Amino acid sequence: MGEGDRVVVVTGIGGMGLAAARRLGPGSKLLLADVNAATLGEAAKALRAEGYQVLEQVTDVSDAGSVATLASAAMEIGRVDVLVHTAGLSPVQASVHAILRVDLLGTALVLDAFASAIAPGGAGVFIASSAGTMLPQDLDLERRLATTPTAALLDLPELSESEIANSGLAYALAKRANQARVRAASVWWGRRRARVNSISPGIISTPMGVAELNGPSGEFMQSMVDGSGTGRIGTPEDIAAAAEFLTGPQSSFITGTDLLVDGGAVSALLFPG
């Protein structure tokens, strides 16, 4: 393996991560990362059986050393052209503490590590959420979420676990932070002639999405789907298609933005029919 090998890195091998790997992996070396070694091994085995060239790296995105190791491994394989960061936890899966560390700090650490690993001309996509889009706007907080050094990010007073009522609010704050942090990071990624954007999925038919639909907020979420312009739950392939666009040549003038891929659910909340 050498400099000529095109590398696609995908973190989080759930429904969206696996769909992105399948869509973006042909003709490339796929580096898959997940905290769960068993899940990672199963995904890699399935993709190899389909003809993909796959490498694996057990990675805890909430740990700076683990993320740095992933970035180094990617550069050793070849030219890191694409990064799709899907690793995360949902409100029904985890505590406030875990969500802040994985969904918020994890994104910041991956943004930092791959700012120097992504190849010139490369592109990254980070999965945020429509939950972040629905938070009331607070420009001062967004600025601090975007620009606070990563090592001090969880020290922001608004991110104190005693100030966050539940895991749902922690999730929404983390995802708003993802959107803001990607926007700020696009400036320094751009110094390497690389681009970075976020995608905010709505309700997607993944194991995580189904668990949320069956959870305490499920009735509200289903009402969002029913009232949306498309009237359906999204698929992992919907998100993979958006990631393909944002990492491909058709979007060469798009960086530092968030693409809401929610079937129109947020619009329906704002403008109910």
Protein backbone atom coordinates (compact mmCIF):
# COMPACT_ATOMS: atom_id res chain seq x y z
CA MET A 1 0.00 0.00 0.00
CA GLY A 2 1.25 3.46 -0.79
CA GLU A 3 0.52 7.06 -1.62
CA GLY A 4 -1.51 6.14 -4.68
CA ASP A 5 -4.08 4.15 -2.70
CA ARG A 6 -7.34 6.04 -2.23
CA VAL A 7 -8.59 5.63 1.36
CA VAL A 8 -12.17 6.03 2.57
CA VAL A 9 -12.54 6.15 6.37
CA VAL A 10 -15.90 5.42 7.98
CA THR A 11 -16.40 5.67 11.74
CA GLY A 12 -19.38 3.96 13.33
CA ILE A 13 -20.51 0.83 11.51
CA GLY A 14 -24.22 1.03 12.19
CA GLY A 15 -26.88 1.45 9.54
CA MET A 16 -25.68 4.79 8.16
CA GLY A 17 -21.99 3.93 8.41
CA LEU A 18 -22.40 0.62 6.61
CA ALA A 19 -24.50 2.23 3.87
CA ALA A 20 -21.88 4.95 3.40
CA ALA A 21 -19.10 2.35 3.24
CA ARG A 22 -20.94 0.41 0.55
CA ARG A 23 -21.66 3.53 -1.49
CA LEU A 24 -18.26 5.20 -1.23
CA GLY A 25 -15.97 2.18 -0.96
CA PRO A 26 -15.74 0.75 -4.50
CA GLY A 27 -12.28 1.28 -5.97
CA SER A 28 -10.87 2.40 -2.62
CA LYS A 29 -9.37 0.95 0.51
CA LEU A 30 -12.04 1.10 3.20
CA LEU A 31 -10.86 1.74 6.75
CA LEU A 32 -13.70 0.95 9.13
CA ALA A 33 -13.66 2.13 12.75
CA ASP A 34 -15.97 1.23 15.61
CA VAL A 35 -15.68 0.85 19.37
CA ASN A 36 -17.27 -2.62 19.24
CA ALA A 37 -14.77 -5.15 17.90
CA ALA A 38 -17.43 -7.79 17.21
CA THR A 39 -19.64 -5.40 15.24
CA LEU A 40 -16.61 -4.14 13.36
CA GLY A 41 -15.47 -7.65 12.46
CA GLU A 42 -18.91 -8.66 11.20
CA ALA A 43 -19.21 -5.58 9.00
CA ALA A 44 -15.72 -6.04 7.58
CA LYS A 45 -16.40 -9.71 6.84
CA ALA A 46 -19.64 -8.88 5.04
CA LEU A 47 -18.03 -6.17 2.93
CA ARG A 48 -15.06 -8.35 2.01
CA ALA A 49 -17.49 -11.02 0.84
CA GLU A 50 -19.00 -8.37 -1.45
CA GLY A 51 -15.59 -7.58 -2.97
CA TYR A 52 -14.52 -4.54 -0.97
CA GLN A 53 -10.95 -4.00 0.23
CA VAL A 54 -11.40 -3.53 3.96
CA LEU A 55 -9.19 -2.78 6.95
CA GLU A 56 -10.40 -2.47 10.54
CA GLN A 57 -9.43 -0.29 13.48
CA VAL A 58 -11.12 -0.57 16.87
CA THR A 59 -11.59 3.06 17.88
CA ASP A 60 -13.11 4.92 20.82
CA VAL A 61 -13.89 8.35 19.37
CA SER A 62 -14.14 9.86 22.86
CA ASP A 63 -10.45 9.07 23.46
CA ALA A 64 -7.90 11.40 21.87
CA GLY A 65 -5.20 8.75 21.67
CA SER A 66 -7.51 6.25 19.99
CA VAL A 67 -8.59 8.83 17.40
CA ALA A 68 -4.98 9.85 16.72
CA THR A 69 -4.12 6.19 16.13
CA LEU A 70 -6.97 5.92 13.62
CA ALA A 71 -5.79 9.00 11.71
CA SER A 72 -2.21 7.67 11.62
CA ALA A 73 -3.40 4.27 10.40
CA ALA A 74 -5.40 5.93 7.63
CA MET A 75 -2.37 7.90 6.41
CA GLU A 76 -0.21 4.78 6.45
CA ILE A 77 -2.65 3.02 4.12
CA GLY A 78 -2.58 5.73 1.46
CA ARG A 79 -4.22 8.99 0.44
CA VAL A 80 -7.11 9.84 2.78
CA ASP A 81 -9.66 11.24 0.33
CA VAL A 82 -12.91 10.70 2.24
CA LEU A 83 -13.95 10.62 5.88
CA VAL A 84 -17.51 9.86 6.96
CA HIS A 85 -17.98 10.16 10.72
CA THR A 86 -21.19 8.47 11.87
CA ALA A 87 -20.14 7.22 15.32
CA GLY A 88 -22.58 8.31 18.01
CA LEU A 89 -25.14 7.45 20.66
CA SER A 90 -28.84 8.28 20.86
CA PRO A 91 -30.91 9.41 23.88
CA VAL A 92 -32.45 5.98 24.53
CA GLN A 93 -29.02 4.33 24.40
CA ALA A 94 -26.96 6.40 26.77
CA SER A 95 -26.60 8.80 29.68
CA VAL A 96 -25.96 12.53 29.45
CA HIS A 97 -22.30 11.87 30.27
CA ALA A 98 -21.84 9.30 27.50
CA ILE A 99 -23.62 11.39 24.87
CA LEU A 100 -21.49 14.45 25.63
CA ARG A 101 -18.30 12.41 25.41
CA VAL A 102 -19.14 10.42 22.28
CA ASP A 103 -21.41 12.68 20.24
CA LEU A 104 -19.85 16.04 21.13
CA LEU A 105 -16.25 15.50 22.22
CA GLY A 106 -15.85 12.59 19.79
CA THR A 107 -16.76 14.76 16.82
CA ALA A 108 -14.35 17.49 17.92
CA LEU A 109 -11.51 14.97 18.31
CA VAL A 110 -12.10 13.44 14.89
CA LEU A 111 -12.30 16.90 13.28
CA ASP A 112 -8.96 17.80 14.87
CA ALA A 113 -7.17 14.58 14.03
CA PHE A 114 -8.25 14.43 10.40
CA ALA A 115 -7.55 18.11 9.71
CA SER A 116 -3.95 17.04 9.11
CA ALA A 117 -4.73 13.54 7.79
CA ILE A 118 -7.19 14.42 5.02
CA ALA A 119 -5.52 14.74 1.63
CA PRO A 120 -5.61 17.97 -0.39
CA GLY A 121 -8.80 17.81 -2.42
CA GLY A 122 -10.36 15.43 0.08
CA ALA A 123 -13.64 15.85 1.93
CA GLY A 124 -15.21 14.92 5.24
CA VAL A 125 -18.81 14.48 6.32
CA PHE A 126 -19.89 14.47 9.97
CA ILE A 127 -23.30 13.21 11.03
CA ALA A 128 -25.19 15.71 13.18
CA SER A 129 -28.99 15.55 13.58
CA SER A 130 -32.19 17.44 12.92
CA ALA A 131 -32.48 17.50 16.74
CA GLY A 132 -29.71 20.11 16.75
CA THR A 133 -31.51 22.14 14.11
CA MET A 134 -34.63 22.34 16.27
CA LEU A 135 -32.90 23.91 19.30
CA PRO A 136 -33.65 27.62 19.84
CA GLN A 137 -30.90 29.73 18.32
CA ASP A 138 -28.27 31.08 20.71
CA LEU A 139 -25.51 32.73 18.68
CA ASP A 140 -23.19 33.27 21.65
CA LEU A 141 -23.40 29.63 22.68
CA GLU A 142 -22.92 28.47 19.10
CA ARG A 143 -19.79 30.58 18.78
CA ARG A 144 -18.35 29.02 21.92
CA LEU A 145 -19.37 25.51 20.86
CA ALA A 146 -17.61 26.15 17.55
CA THR A 147 -14.38 27.71 18.78
CA THR A 148 -13.61 26.49 22.30
CA PRO A 149 -10.42 24.38 22.22
CA THR A 150 -11.29 20.70 22.21
CA ALA A 151 -9.56 19.99 25.52
CA ALA A 152 -11.79 22.56 27.25
CA LEU A 153 -15.01 21.89 25.34
CA LEU A 154 -16.77 19.87 28.02
CA ASP A 155 -15.90 22.55 30.58
CA LEU A 156 -18.38 25.00 29.05
CA PRO A 157 -20.96 25.81 31.76
CA GLU A 158 -23.88 24.97 29.46
CA LEU A 159 -22.45 21.47 29.06
CA SER A 160 -22.25 20.75 32.76
CA GLU A 161 -24.16 17.55 33.42
CA SER A 162 -25.95 19.28 36.30
CA GLU A 163 -27.33 21.84 33.81
CA ILE A 164 -28.66 19.31 31.28
CA ALA A 165 -32.03 17.89 32.23
CA ASN A 166 -31.92 14.64 30.25
CA SER A 167 -30.18 12.69 27.52
CA GLY A 168 -32.52 14.13 24.88
CA LEU A 169 -31.32 17.66 25.58
CA ALA A 170 -27.70 16.46 25.74
CA TYR A 171 -28.15 14.90 22.31
CA ALA A 172 -29.65 18.05 20.80
CA LEU A 173 -26.87 20.22 22.27
CA ALA A 174 -24.20 17.82 21.01
CA LYS A 175 -25.65 17.83 17.52
CA ARG A 176 -25.97 21.63 17.42
CA ALA A 177 -22.32 21.71 18.49
CA ASN A 178 -21.44 19.31 15.66
CA GLN A 179 -23.03 21.67 13.12
CA ALA A 180 -21.25 24.70 14.57
CA ARG A 181 -17.89 23.00 14.97
CA VAL A 182 -17.88 21.69 11.40
CA ARG A 183 -18.65 25.20 10.17
CA ALA A 184 -15.64 26.61 12.02
CA ALA A 185 -13.39 23.68 11.08
CA SER A 186 -14.03 24.24 7.38
CA VAL A 187 -11.70 27.25 7.55
CA TRP A 188 -8.69 25.31 8.73
CA TRP A 189 -9.53 22.22 6.69
CA GLY A 190 -9.56 24.62 3.75
CA ARG A 191 -5.93 25.47 4.37
CA ARG A 192 -5.23 21.92 3.16
CA ARG A 193 -7.58 22.47 0.20
CA ALA A 194 -9.97 20.01 1.85
CA ARG A 195 -13.67 20.42 2.54
CA VAL A 196 -15.85 19.42 5.47
CA ASN A 197 -19.63 19.51 5.94
CA SER A 198 -22.23 17.99 8.23
CA ILE A 199 -25.44 16.12 7.53
CA SER A 200 -28.40 16.39 9.90
CA PRO A 201 -30.56 13.31 9.39
CA GLY A 202 -34.15 13.19 10.50
CA ILE A 203 -35.74 9.93 11.56
CA ILE A 204 -33.86 7.15 9.81
CA SER A 205 -34.66 3.45 9.75
CA THR A 206 -31.60 2.18 11.57
CA PRO A 207 -31.53 0.15 14.80
CA MET A 208 -30.87 3.43 16.62
CA GLY A 209 -33.75 5.15 14.87
CA VAL A 210 -36.16 2.32 15.55
CA ALA A 211 -35.15 2.33 19.23
CA GLU A 212 -35.95 6.04 19.40
CA LEU A 213 -39.35 5.48 17.75
CA ASN A 214 -40.09 2.90 20.45
CA GLY A 215 -38.83 5.20 23.20
CA PRO A 216 -40.39 8.03 25.23
CA SER A 217 -40.33 10.48 22.29
CA GLY A 218 -41.60 7.95 19.77
CA GLU A 219 -45.13 9.36 19.45
CA PHE A 220 -43.81 12.87 18.76
CA MET A 221 -41.29 11.52 16.26
CA GLN A 222 -43.95 9.54 14.41
CA SER A 223 -46.10 12.66 14.22
CA MET A 224 -43.16 14.47 12.62
CA VAL A 225 -42.90 11.76 9.99
CA ASP A 226 -46.65 11.77 9.34
CA GLY A 227 -46.71 15.54 8.91
CA SER A 228 -43.63 15.79 6.72
CA GLY A 229 -43.62 16.52 3.03
CA THR A 230 -42.42 13.02 2.17
CA GLY A 231 -44.50 11.19 4.77
CA ARG A 232 -41.91 8.50 5.31
CA ILE A 233 -39.00 7.47 7.49
CA GLY A 234 -35.60 7.87 5.87
CA THR A 235 -33.29 5.03 4.92
CA PRO A 236 -29.56 4.67 5.54
CA GLU A 237 -29.16 4.89 1.77
CA ASP A 238 -30.74 8.37 1.82
CA ILE A 239 -27.92 9.50 4.11
CA ALA A 240 -25.25 7.65 2.11
CA ALA A 241 -26.44 9.40 -1.06
CA ALA A 242 -26.09 12.78 0.65
CA ALA A 243 -22.61 11.83 1.87
CA GLU A 244 -21.65 10.79 -1.67
CA PHE A 245 -22.74 14.19 -2.97
CA LEU A 246 -20.92 16.15 -0.25
CA THR A 247 -17.66 14.22 -0.72
CA GLY A 248 -17.80 14.19 -4.52
CA PRO A 249 -16.81 16.59 -7.30
CA GLN A 250 -20.36 17.94 -7.73
CA SER A 251 -20.04 19.74 -4.37
CA SER A 252 -16.56 21.21 -4.83
CA PHE A 253 -17.83 24.71 -3.86
CA ILE A 254 -19.65 23.52 -0.71
CA THR A 255 -17.90 23.52 2.63
CA GLY A 256 -18.76 24.53 6.18
CA THR A 257 -22.46 23.89 5.79
CA ASP A 258 -25.08 21.55 7.23
CA LEU A 259 -27.40 19.57 4.96
CA LEU A 260 -30.75 18.76 6.58
CA VAL A 261 -31.87 15.35 5.30
CA ASP A 262 -35.13 14.82 7.16
CA GLY A 263 -37.85 14.34 4.54
CA GLY A 264 -39.27 17.74 5.39
CA ALA A 265 -40.08 17.00 9.04
CA VAL A 266 -38.56 20.20 10.46
CA SER A 267 -40.35 22.29 7.84
CA ALA A 268 -43.65 20.68 8.80
CA LEU A 269 -43.06 21.59 12.46
CA LEU A 270 -42.43 25.21 11.52
CA PHE A 271 -45.26 25.44 8.99
CA PRO A 272 -47.89 22.83 9.87
CA GLY A 273 -50.49 22.23 7.21
